[in-house]
Amino acid sequence: MNETASIPTALEPSPSPPARNPAVQRCCQARERSLESSRKNRLDNYDTKKNAIEAYRNAMPDLAGYENIRDFIACAAHGMVIGTIDAI
């Protein structure tokens, strides 16, 4: 079985934002809104990507309390998987 899955980049909408974690959904929605806004304003790819990354990170929960910390980790992990957050 040689199927190759495409890996989303920071410029592409998420293929299917997670439905179970509202914090991750909020981060993905912030990123999607930023991408849409950047495209409407005809920003170049660099600025579009930079704005989407910033929107995603700004939507992440504060590191206060068990649930927020858990959701922050979920958002960070998801962001790394979709290429919005670099591992470095």
C-alpha atoms as a PDB file:
ATOM      1  CA  MET A   1       0.000   0.000   0.000  1.00  0.00           C
ATOM      2  CA  ASN A   2       1.801   3.095  -1.248  1.00  0.00           C
ATOM      3  CA  GLU A   3      -0.625   5.891  -0.485  1.00  0.00           C
ATOM      4  CA  THR A   4       0.992   9.204   0.215  1.00  0.00           C
ATOM      5  CA  ALA A   5      -0.901  11.515   2.540  1.00  0.00           C
ATOM      6  CA  SER A   6      -0.419  15.169   1.886  1.00  0.00           C
ATOM      7  CA  ILE A   7       0.965  17.111   4.797  1.00  0.00           C
ATOM      8  CA  PRO A   8      -0.807  20.436   5.366  1.00  0.00           C
ATOM      9  CA  THR A   9       1.314  23.558   5.487  1.00  0.00           C
ATOM     10  CA  ALA A  10       0.720  26.726   7.432  1.00  0.00           C
ATOM     11  CA  LEU A  11      -0.859  28.237   4.303  1.00  0.00           C
ATOM     12  CA  GLU A  12      -3.519  25.554   3.859  1.00  0.00           C
ATOM     13  CA  PRO A  13      -6.707  25.190   5.887  1.00  0.00           C
ATOM     14  CA  SER A  14      -6.679  22.311   8.336  1.00  0.00           C
ATOM     15  CA  PRO A  15      -8.074  19.195   6.656  1.00  0.00           C
ATOM     16  CA  SER A  16     -10.382  18.405   9.540  1.00  0.00           C
ATOM     17  CA  PRO A  17     -10.052  20.383  12.753  1.00  0.00           C
ATOM     18  CA  PRO A  18     -10.499  18.229  15.834  1.00  0.00           C
ATOM     19  CA  ALA A  19     -14.053  18.056  17.078  1.00  0.00           C
ATOM     20  CA  ARG A  20     -13.362  16.874  20.613  1.00  0.00           C
ATOM     21  CA  ASN A  21     -11.211  19.640  22.061  1.00  0.00           C
ATOM     22  CA  PRO A  22     -12.767  23.126  22.029  1.00  0.00           C
ATOM     23  CA  ALA A  23      -9.398  24.805  22.706  1.00  0.00           C
ATOM     24  CA  VAL A  24      -7.813  23.197  19.645  1.00  0.00           C
ATOM     25  CA  GLN A  25     -10.881  24.111  17.601  1.00  0.00           C
ATOM     26  CA  ARG A  26     -10.551  27.723  18.755  1.00  0.00           C
ATOM     27  CA  CYS A  27      -6.885  27.792  17.694  1.00  0.00           C
ATOM     28  CA  CYS A  28      -7.716  26.280  14.297  1.00  0.00           C
ATOM     29  CA  GLN A  29     -10.585  28.718  13.755  1.00  0.00           C
ATOM     30  CA  ALA A  30      -8.326  31.672  14.592  1.00  0.00           C
ATOM     31  CA  ARG A  31      -5.809  30.372  12.053  1.00  0.00           C
ATOM     32  CA  GLU A  32      -8.502  29.870   9.408  1.00  0.00           C
ATOM     33  CA  ARG A  33      -9.871  33.395   9.939  1.00  0.00           C
ATOM     34  CA  SER A  34      -6.367  34.796   9.574  1.00  0.00           C
ATOM     35  CA  LEU A  35      -5.757  32.856   6.363  1.00  0.00           C
ATOM     36  CA  GLU A  36      -9.043  34.069   4.922  1.00  0.00           C
ATOM     37  CA  SER A  37      -8.330  37.671   5.895  1.00  0.00           C
ATOM     38  CA  SER A  38      -4.824  37.545   4.429  1.00  0.00           C
ATOM     39  CA  ARG A  39      -6.125  36.153   1.159  1.00  0.00           C
ATOM     40  CA  LYS A  40      -8.812  38.829   0.944  1.00  0.00           C
ATOM     41  CA  ASN A  41      -6.129  41.475   1.505  1.00  0.00           C
ATOM     42  CA  ARG A  42      -3.889  39.757  -1.040  1.00  0.00           C
ATOM     43  CA  LEU A  43      -0.925  39.456   1.293  1.00  0.00           C
ATOM     44  CA  ASP A  44       2.092  37.520   0.097  1.00  0.00           C
ATOM     45  CA  ASN A  45       2.722  33.980   1.315  1.00  0.00           C
ATOM     46  CA  TYR A  46       5.267  35.033   3.934  1.00  0.00           C
ATOM     47  CA  ASP A  47       2.916  37.505   5.636  1.00  0.00           C
ATOM     48  CA  THR A  48      -0.045  35.141   5.289  1.00  0.00           C
ATOM     49  CA  LYS A  49       1.875  32.359   7.027  1.00  0.00           C
ATOM     50  CA  LYS A  50       3.260  34.702   9.698  1.00  0.00           C
ATOM     51  CA  ASN A  51      -0.203  36.073  10.501  1.00  0.00           C
ATOM     52  CA  ALA A  52      -1.776  32.603  10.623  1.00  0.00           C
ATOM     53  CA  ILE A  53       0.901  31.358  13.011  1.00  0.00           C
ATOM     54  CA  GLU A  54       0.464  34.398  15.232  1.00  0.00           C
ATOM     55  CA  ALA A  55      -3.335  34.003  15.274  1.00  0.00           C
ATOM     56  CA  TYR A  56      -3.049  30.318  16.200  1.00  0.00           C
ATOM     57  CA  ARG A  57      -0.596  31.029  19.012  1.00  0.00           C
ATOM     58  CA  ASN A  58      -2.621  33.967  20.348  1.00  0.00           C
ATOM     59  CA  ALA A  59      -5.687  31.724  20.600  1.00  0.00           C
ATOM     60  CA  MET A  60      -3.869  29.180  22.767  1.00  0.00           C
ATOM     61  CA  PRO A  61      -5.047  28.936  26.399  1.00  0.00           C
ATOM     62  CA  ASP A  62      -3.138  30.532  29.252  1.00  0.00           C
ATOM     63  CA  LEU A  63      -0.902  28.238  31.274  1.00  0.00           C
ATOM     64  CA  ALA A  64      -3.000  28.465  34.428  1.00  0.00           C
ATOM     65  CA  GLY A  65      -4.824  25.489  35.902  1.00  0.00           C
ATOM     66  CA  TYR A  66      -4.919  21.845  34.966  1.00  0.00           C
ATOM     67  CA  GLU A  67      -7.468  22.103  32.134  1.00  0.00           C
ATOM     68  CA  ASN A  68      -5.776  25.086  30.494  1.00  0.00           C
ATOM     69  CA  ILE A  69      -2.377  23.401  30.660  1.00  0.00           C
ATOM     70  CA  ARG A  70      -3.848  20.225  29.157  1.00  0.00           C
ATOM     71  CA  ASP A  71      -5.521  22.252  26.386  1.00  0.00           C
ATOM     72  CA  PHE A  72      -2.328  24.250  25.765  1.00  0.00           C
ATOM     73  CA  ILE A  73      -0.413  20.999  25.245  1.00  0.00           C
ATOM     74  CA  ALA A  74      -3.152  19.736  22.902  1.00  0.00           C
ATOM     75  CA  CYS A  75      -2.999  22.962  20.883  1.00  0.00           C
ATOM     76  CA  ALA A  76       0.801  22.879  20.732  1.00  0.00           C
ATOM     77  CA  ALA A  77       0.832  19.235  19.625  1.00  0.00           C
ATOM     78  CA  HIS A  78      -1.837  19.821  16.988  1.00  0.00           C
ATOM     79  CA  GLY A  79      -0.039  22.940  15.781  1.00  0.00           C
ATOM     80  CA  MET A  80       3.151  20.913  15.333  1.00  0.00           C
ATOM     81  CA  VAL A  81       1.306  18.193  13.420  1.00  0.00           C
ATOM     82  CA  ILE A  82      -0.253  20.638  10.940  1.00  0.00           C
ATOM     83  CA  GLY A  83       2.967  22.640  10.578  1.00  0.00           C
ATOM     84  CA  THR A  84       1.811  25.828  12.274  1.00  0.00           C
ATOM     85  CA  ILE A  85       4.203  25.455  15.188  1.00  0.00           C
ATOM     86  CA  ASP A  86       7.817  24.476  14.569  1.00  0.00           C
ATOM     87  CA  ALA A  87       9.343  21.848  16.814  1.00  0.00           C
ATOM     88  CA  ILE A  88      12.301  24.122  17.539  1.00  0.00           C
END
